[in-house]
Protein backbone atom coordinates (compact mmCIF):
# COMPACT_ATOMS: atom_id res chain seq x y z
CA MET A 1 84.66 90.37 83.05
CA LYS A 2 87.15 86.98 82.57
CA GLY A 3 84.21 84.51 83.98
CA LYS A 4 83.49 82.89 87.43
CA ASN A 5 86.49 81.35 88.18
CA LEU A 6 88.43 83.15 90.84
CA GLY A 7 92.10 84.55 90.54
CA GLU A 8 94.62 84.58 93.55
CA PHE A 9 94.17 87.89 94.27
CA GLU A 10 90.27 87.60 94.40
CA GLU A 11 90.40 84.54 96.46
CA LEU A 12 92.68 86.64 98.79
CA VAL A 13 90.45 89.53 99.24
CA MET A 14 87.15 87.44 99.45
CA LEU A 15 88.93 85.42 102.51
CA ALA A 16 89.74 88.67 103.87
CA VAL A 17 85.80 89.62 103.79
CA GLY A 18 84.89 86.51 105.41
CA ILE A 19 87.79 86.97 108.06
CA LEU A 20 86.25 90.20 108.66
CA HIS A 21 82.68 89.41 108.99
CA ASP A 22 80.79 92.40 110.10
CA ASP A 23 83.59 95.17 109.30
CA ALA A 24 84.61 94.13 105.67
CA HIS A 25 85.34 97.64 104.01
CA GLY A 26 88.05 98.85 101.56
CA ILE A 27 90.47 99.71 104.03
CA SER A 28 89.75 96.84 106.89
CA VAL A 29 90.48 94.43 103.67
CA GLN A 30 93.64 95.95 102.71
CA LYS A 31 94.63 95.54 106.20
CA GLU A 32 93.66 92.10 106.71
CA LEU A 33 95.01 91.22 103.60
CA GLY A 34 98.78 92.59 104.75
CA ILE A 35 98.22 90.94 108.32
CA GLN A 36 97.69 87.62 106.36
CA SER A 37 99.71 87.70 103.71
CA GLY A 38 102.34 90.35 104.19
CA ARG A 39 101.53 91.89 100.92
CA LYS A 40 100.34 95.72 101.26
CA PRO A 41 97.98 96.10 98.15
CA MET A 42 97.32 99.42 96.74
CA ILE A 43 93.63 100.40 97.90
CA SER A 44 92.64 101.30 94.37
CA ALA A 45 93.47 97.59 93.97
CA VAL A 46 91.50 96.32 96.70
CA HIS A 47 88.62 98.42 95.54
CA LYS A 48 88.71 97.27 92.08
CA VAL A 49 88.57 93.82 93.15
CA LEU A 50 85.84 94.25 95.59
CA VAL A 51 83.60 95.95 92.75
CA ARG A 52 84.40 93.26 90.52
CA LEU A 53 83.47 90.33 93.05
CA GLU A 54 80.14 92.42 93.47
CA ASP A 55 79.53 92.20 90.00
CA LYS A 56 80.10 88.59 89.65
CA GLY A 57 77.69 88.12 92.40
CA TYR A 58 80.11 86.63 94.89
CA LEU A 59 79.93 89.70 97.41
CA GLN A 60 77.22 92.02 98.06
CA SER A 61 77.47 95.32 99.74
CA GLN A 62 75.61 97.89 101.84
CA MET A 63 76.16 101.27 102.92
CA GLY A 64 77.30 101.20 106.90
CA GLY A 65 76.57 104.28 109.32
CA ALA A 66 78.56 107.35 109.58
CA THR A 67 81.10 107.62 111.79
CA SER A 68 83.12 110.46 113.05
CA GLU A 69 86.40 108.88 112.46
CA ARG A 70 85.51 108.89 108.76
CA GLY A 71 84.22 112.82 109.04
CA GLY A 72 80.76 111.31 108.77
CA ARG A 73 80.94 109.51 105.81
CA LYS A 74 79.64 106.48 105.32
CA LYS A 75 81.37 102.87 104.54
CA ARG A 76 80.53 100.29 102.51
CA LEU A 77 80.55 96.94 103.72
CA TYR A 78 81.12 93.68 101.82
CA GLU A 79 79.52 90.25 102.95
CA ILE A 80 79.89 86.99 100.88
CA THR A 81 77.15 85.81 99.07
CA ALA A 82 76.07 82.13 98.81
CA ALA A 83 77.38 82.16 95.26
CA GLY A 84 80.69 83.75 96.91
CA LYS A 85 80.98 81.01 99.44
CA LYS A 86 80.47 78.15 96.54
CA ALA A 87 83.07 79.58 94.50
CA LEU A 88 85.69 79.44 97.44
CA ALA A 89 84.91 76.13 98.49
CA THR A 90 85.28 75.03 94.68
CA SER A 91 88.64 76.83 94.73
CA LYS A 92 89.82 75.26 98.25
CA GLU A 93 88.74 71.76 96.56
CA LEU A 94 90.58 72.31 93.39
CA ARG A 95 93.69 73.30 95.23
CA ASN A 96 93.60 70.71 97.67
CA LYS A 97 93.05 68.10 95.01
CA MET A 98 96.06 69.41 92.84
CA TRP A 99 98.43 69.71 96.25
CA ASP A 100 97.28 65.99 97.06
CA ALA A 101 98.42 64.69 93.19
CA VAL A 102 101.76 66.20 93.53
CA PRO A 103 104.12 62.77 94.08
CA GLN A 104 105.89 63.08 97.51
CA VAL A 105 109.44 62.94 95.58
CA VAL A 106 108.92 66.74 94.10
CA TRP A 107 109.18 67.60 97.75
CA GLY A 108 112.21 65.63 98.52
CA GLY A 109 110.49 62.45 99.95
CA GLY A 110 110.70 59.18 98.80
CA SER A 111 111.10 57.86 95.46
CA SER A 112 109.18 58.42 92.30
């Protein structure tokens, strides 16, 4: 495991879990990533990241009820933990701080 920092894809997966709230499972996370980012990640990559984020303590999961649409199989539902919320907030703060530090001249406006 690489540590407690979030990678880009990990952050996107966690945000998708947050968006989906009560219905965050592998397939729904994959679909939400497609809607929000235009990416179509492999389901195996999504599952790997969900497991890794759970190992880091940023997500927790439980088995949902069985549904006829899944042939009676249960699905693993994910939610963001307090540590996960803190990690997302830290990541957002860092990104915003760095975006704010880029001089306007880089974006084509004003002088250096």
